[in-house]
C-alpha atoms as a PDB file:
ATOM      1  CA  SER A   1     -34.710  15.113   1.445  1.00  0.00           C
ATOM      2  CA  GLY A   2     -31.161  15.692   2.637  1.00  0.00           C
ATOM      3  CA  GLU A   3     -32.373  17.001   5.974  1.00  0.00           C
ATOM      4  CA  ILE A   4     -31.648  15.763   9.449  1.00  0.00           C
ATOM      5  CA  ALA A   5     -34.842  15.491  11.462  1.00  0.00           C
ATOM      6  CA  GLY A   6     -34.970  14.027  14.943  1.00  0.00           C
ATOM      7  CA  GLY A   7     -31.659  12.212  14.538  1.00  0.00           C
ATOM      8  CA  ASN A   8     -32.767  10.412  11.359  1.00  0.00           C
ATOM      9  CA  VAL A   9     -30.988  11.216   8.141  1.00  0.00           C
ATOM     10  CA  SER A  10     -33.195  11.457   5.085  1.00  0.00           C
ATOM     11  CA  VAL A  11     -31.338  10.406   1.941  1.00  0.00           C
ATOM     12  CA  GLY A  12     -32.550  11.946  -1.286  1.00  0.00           C
ATOM     13  CA  PRO A  13     -33.441   9.964  -4.395  1.00  0.00           C
ATOM     14  CA  LEU A  14     -30.254  11.090  -6.155  1.00  0.00           C
ATOM     15  CA  ALA A  15     -28.089   9.633  -3.374  1.00  0.00           C
ATOM     16  CA  VAL A  16     -30.039   6.361  -3.466  1.00  0.00           C
ATOM     17  CA  THR A  17     -29.593   6.154  -7.243  1.00  0.00           C
ATOM     18  CA  LEU A  18     -25.872   6.822  -6.882  1.00  0.00           C
ATOM     19  CA  ILE A  19     -25.463   4.141  -4.204  1.00  0.00           C
ATOM     20  CA  GLU A  20     -27.434   1.619  -6.277  1.00  0.00           C
ATOM     21  CA  SER A  21     -25.323   2.396  -9.342  1.00  0.00           C
ATOM     22  CA  ILE A  22     -22.075   1.913  -7.435  1.00  0.00           C
ATOM     23  CA  TRP A  23     -23.372  -1.309  -5.872  1.00  0.00           C
ATOM     24  CA  GLU A  24     -24.328  -2.688  -9.313  1.00  0.00           C
ATOM     25  CA  LYS A  25     -20.836  -1.915 -10.642  1.00  0.00           C
ATOM     26  CA  VAL A  26     -19.184  -3.612  -7.653  1.00  0.00           C
ATOM     27  CA  VAL A  27     -21.334  -6.722  -7.960  1.00  0.00           C
ATOM     28  CA  GLY A  28     -20.810  -6.755 -11.737  1.00  0.00           C
ATOM     29  CA  THR A  29     -17.049  -6.559 -11.364  1.00  0.00           C
ATOM     30  CA  ILE A  30     -17.003  -9.346  -8.770  1.00  0.00           C
ATOM     31  CA  SER A  31     -19.168 -11.625 -10.910  1.00  0.00           C
ATOM     32  CA  GLN A  32     -17.175 -10.914 -14.101  1.00  0.00           C
ATOM     33  CA  HIS A  33     -13.692 -11.284 -12.569  1.00  0.00           C
ATOM     34  CA  PRO A  34     -13.819 -13.675  -9.591  1.00  0.00           C
ATOM     35  CA  PHE A  35     -10.455 -15.361 -10.236  1.00  0.00           C
ATOM     36  CA  GLU A  36      -8.656 -12.067 -10.751  1.00  0.00           C
ATOM     37  CA  LEU A  37     -10.045 -10.752  -7.471  1.00  0.00           C
ATOM     38  CA  VAL A  38      -9.034 -13.920  -5.610  1.00  0.00           C
ATOM     39  CA  TYR A  39      -5.543 -13.607  -7.107  1.00  0.00           C
ATOM     40  CA  LEU A  40      -5.266  -9.935  -6.152  1.00  0.00           C
ATOM     41  CA  GLY A  41      -6.538 -10.541  -2.640  1.00  0.00           C
ATOM     42  CA  GLY A  42      -4.853 -13.875  -1.995  1.00  0.00           C
ATOM     43  CA  VAL A  43      -1.542 -13.783  -3.799  1.00  0.00           C
ATOM     44  CA  THR A  44      -0.491 -10.198  -4.214  1.00  0.00           C
ATOM     45  CA  THR A  45      -1.828  -9.050  -0.851  1.00  0.00           C
ATOM     46  CA  ALA A  46      -2.170 -11.860   1.686  1.00  0.00           C
ATOM     47  CA  LEU A  47       0.746 -14.003   0.486  1.00  0.00           C
ATOM     48  CA  ALA A  48       3.050 -11.019   0.073  1.00  0.00           C
ATOM     49  CA  ASN A  49       2.227  -9.760   3.574  1.00  0.00           C
ATOM     50  CA  TYR A  50       2.693 -13.271   5.025  1.00  0.00           C
ATOM     51  CA  ILE A  51       6.133 -13.637   3.404  1.00  0.00           C
ATOM     52  CA  GLN A  52       7.111 -10.141   4.519  1.00  0.00           C
ATOM     53  CA  THR A  53       6.033 -10.834   8.105  1.00  0.00           C
ATOM     54  CA  LYS A  54       7.973 -14.113   8.214  1.00  0.00           C
ATOM     55  CA  ALA A  55      11.079 -12.493   6.724  1.00  0.00           C
ATOM     56  CA  GLN A  56      10.971  -9.554   9.150  1.00  0.00           C
ATOM     57  CA  LYS A  57      11.340 -11.834  12.152  1.00  0.00           C
ATOM     58  CA  GLY A  58      15.037 -12.214  11.384  1.00  0.00           C
ATOM     59  CA  ILE A  59      15.920  -8.525  11.094  1.00  0.00           C
ATOM     60  CA  SER A  60      15.712  -5.458  13.288  1.00  0.00           C
ATOM     61  CA  ALA A  61      12.674  -3.177  13.287  1.00  0.00           C
ATOM     62  CA  GLU A  62      14.799  -0.325  11.924  1.00  0.00           C
ATOM     63  CA  ARG A  63      15.957  -2.379   8.943  1.00  0.00           C
ATOM     64  CA  ALA A  64      12.413  -3.647   8.310  1.00  0.00           C
ATOM     65  CA  SER A  65      11.029  -0.093   8.298  1.00  0.00           C
ATOM     66  CA  ILE A  66      13.621   0.983   5.726  1.00  0.00           C
ATOM     67  CA  ILE A  67      12.803  -1.977   3.480  1.00  0.00           C
ATOM     68  CA  TYR A  68       9.094  -1.249   3.838  1.00  0.00           C
ATOM     69  CA  ALA A  69       9.604   2.453   3.074  1.00  0.00           C
ATOM     70  CA  LEU A  70      11.189   1.474  -0.248  1.00  0.00           C
ATOM     71  CA  ASP A  71       8.061  -0.472  -1.311  1.00  0.00           C
ATOM     72  CA  PRO A  72       6.828   2.224  -3.759  1.00  0.00           C
ATOM     73  CA  VAL A  73      10.271   2.295  -5.370  1.00  0.00           C
ATOM     74  CA  TYR A  74      10.243  -1.487  -5.829  1.00  0.00           C
ATOM     75  CA  GLY A  75       6.753  -1.247  -7.289  1.00  0.00           C
ATOM     76  CA  ALA A  76       7.804   1.400  -9.810  1.00  0.00           C
ATOM     77  CA  PHE A  77      10.948  -0.559 -10.721  1.00  0.00           C
ATOM     78  CA  PHE A  78       9.073  -3.806 -11.360  1.00  0.00           C
ATOM     79  CA  ALA A  79       6.261  -1.989 -13.198  1.00  0.00           C
ATOM     80  CA  ASN A  80       8.931  -0.633 -15.533  1.00  0.00           C
ATOM     81  CA  LEU A  81      10.750  -3.947 -15.843  1.00  0.00           C
ATOM     82  CA  LEU A  82       7.731  -6.224 -16.287  1.00  0.00           C
ATOM     83  CA  LEU A  83       5.094  -3.930 -17.798  1.00  0.00           C
ATOM     84  CA  GLY A  84       7.151  -1.282 -19.566  1.00  0.00           C
ATOM     85  CA  GLU A  85       5.625   1.550 -17.550  1.00  0.00           C
ATOM     86  CA  LYS A  86       7.509   4.831 -17.374  1.00  0.00           C
ATOM     87  CA  LEU A  87       7.914   7.215 -14.460  1.00  0.00           C
ATOM     88  CA  THR A  88       7.336  10.916 -14.916  1.00  0.00           C
ATOM     89  CA  GLN A  89      10.009  13.381 -13.846  1.00  0.00           C
ATOM     90  CA  TRP A  90       8.145  13.877 -10.551  1.00  0.00           C
ATOM     91  CA  GLY A  91       7.896  10.110 -10.078  1.00  0.00           C
ATOM     92  CA  SER A  92      11.627   9.722 -10.682  1.00  0.00           C
ATOM     93  CA  PHE A  93      12.333  12.572  -8.275  1.00  0.00           C
ATOM     94  CA  GLY A  94      10.106  10.955  -5.647  1.00  0.00           C
ATOM     95  CA  ALA A  95      11.786   7.568  -6.082  1.00  0.00           C
ATOM     96  CA  ALA A  96      15.215   9.182  -5.771  1.00  0.00           C
ATOM     97  CA  LEU A  97      14.101  11.099  -2.672  1.00  0.00           C
ATOM     98  CA  ILE A  98      12.718   7.955  -0.991  1.00  0.00           C
ATOM     99  CA  THR A  99      15.867   5.994  -1.856  1.00  0.00           C
ATOM    100  CA  ALA A 100      18.149   8.777  -0.563  1.00  0.00           C
ATOM    101  CA  ALA A 101      16.152   9.039   2.673  1.00  0.00           C
ATOM    102  CA  ALA A 102      16.258   5.274   3.210  1.00  0.00           C
ATOM    103  CA  ALA A 103      19.983   5.101   2.442  1.00  0.00           C
ATOM    104  CA  THR A 104      20.724   8.011   4.774  1.00  0.00           C
ATOM    105  CA  ASN A 105      18.682   6.401   7.528  1.00  0.00           C
ATOM    106  CA  ALA A 106      20.416   3.063   6.969  1.00  0.00           C
ATOM    107  CA  PHE A 107      23.907   4.529   7.159  1.00  0.00           C
ATOM    108  CA  LEU A 108      23.270   6.881  10.078  1.00  0.00           C
ATOM    109  CA  ASP A 109      20.985   4.804  12.309  1.00  0.00           C
ATOM    110  CA  LEU A 110      21.960   1.185  11.710  1.00  0.00           C
ATOM    111  CA  GLY A 111      25.603   1.293  12.683  1.00  0.00           C
ATOM    112  CA  GLU A 112      26.868  -0.762  15.596  1.00  0.00           C
ATOM    113  CA  LYS A 113      25.580   0.766  18.796  1.00  0.00           C
ATOM    114  CA  GLU A 114      27.165   0.299  22.166  1.00  0.00           C
ATOM    115  CA  ASP A 115      25.162  -1.628  24.698  1.00  0.00           C
ATOM    116  CA  THR A 116      25.061   0.757  27.660  1.00  0.00           C
ATOM    117  CA  SER A 117      22.487  -1.294  29.594  1.00  0.00           C
ATOM    118  CA  LYS A 118      25.173  -3.604  31.034  1.00  0.00           C
ATOM    119  CA  GLN A 119      27.090  -0.843  32.796  1.00  0.00           C
END
């Protein structure tokens, strides 16, 4: 077991047991929480991405990338606001660093640029 012979991989009994155990947990979770999984997949993922894609059509790619880069900061802010979660010192430092980088990028790169293609 665990050997590669002639291009075929032999999986040991421990690996099979582990895979079966994980599969049982996945199936159990799906059968116990179907509505929660549909909500997570449909609303918080698909709907959010759809709205984001529609909204990004009206702004530049640079602006969209800055907004998207701030996503973890928004997540931490709303987790604090709605769920009462707290950031660690490292989390706060990371949020400040992301915000500073996005603000710097916004102020340095998004100013009015001359159109030199018409000359």
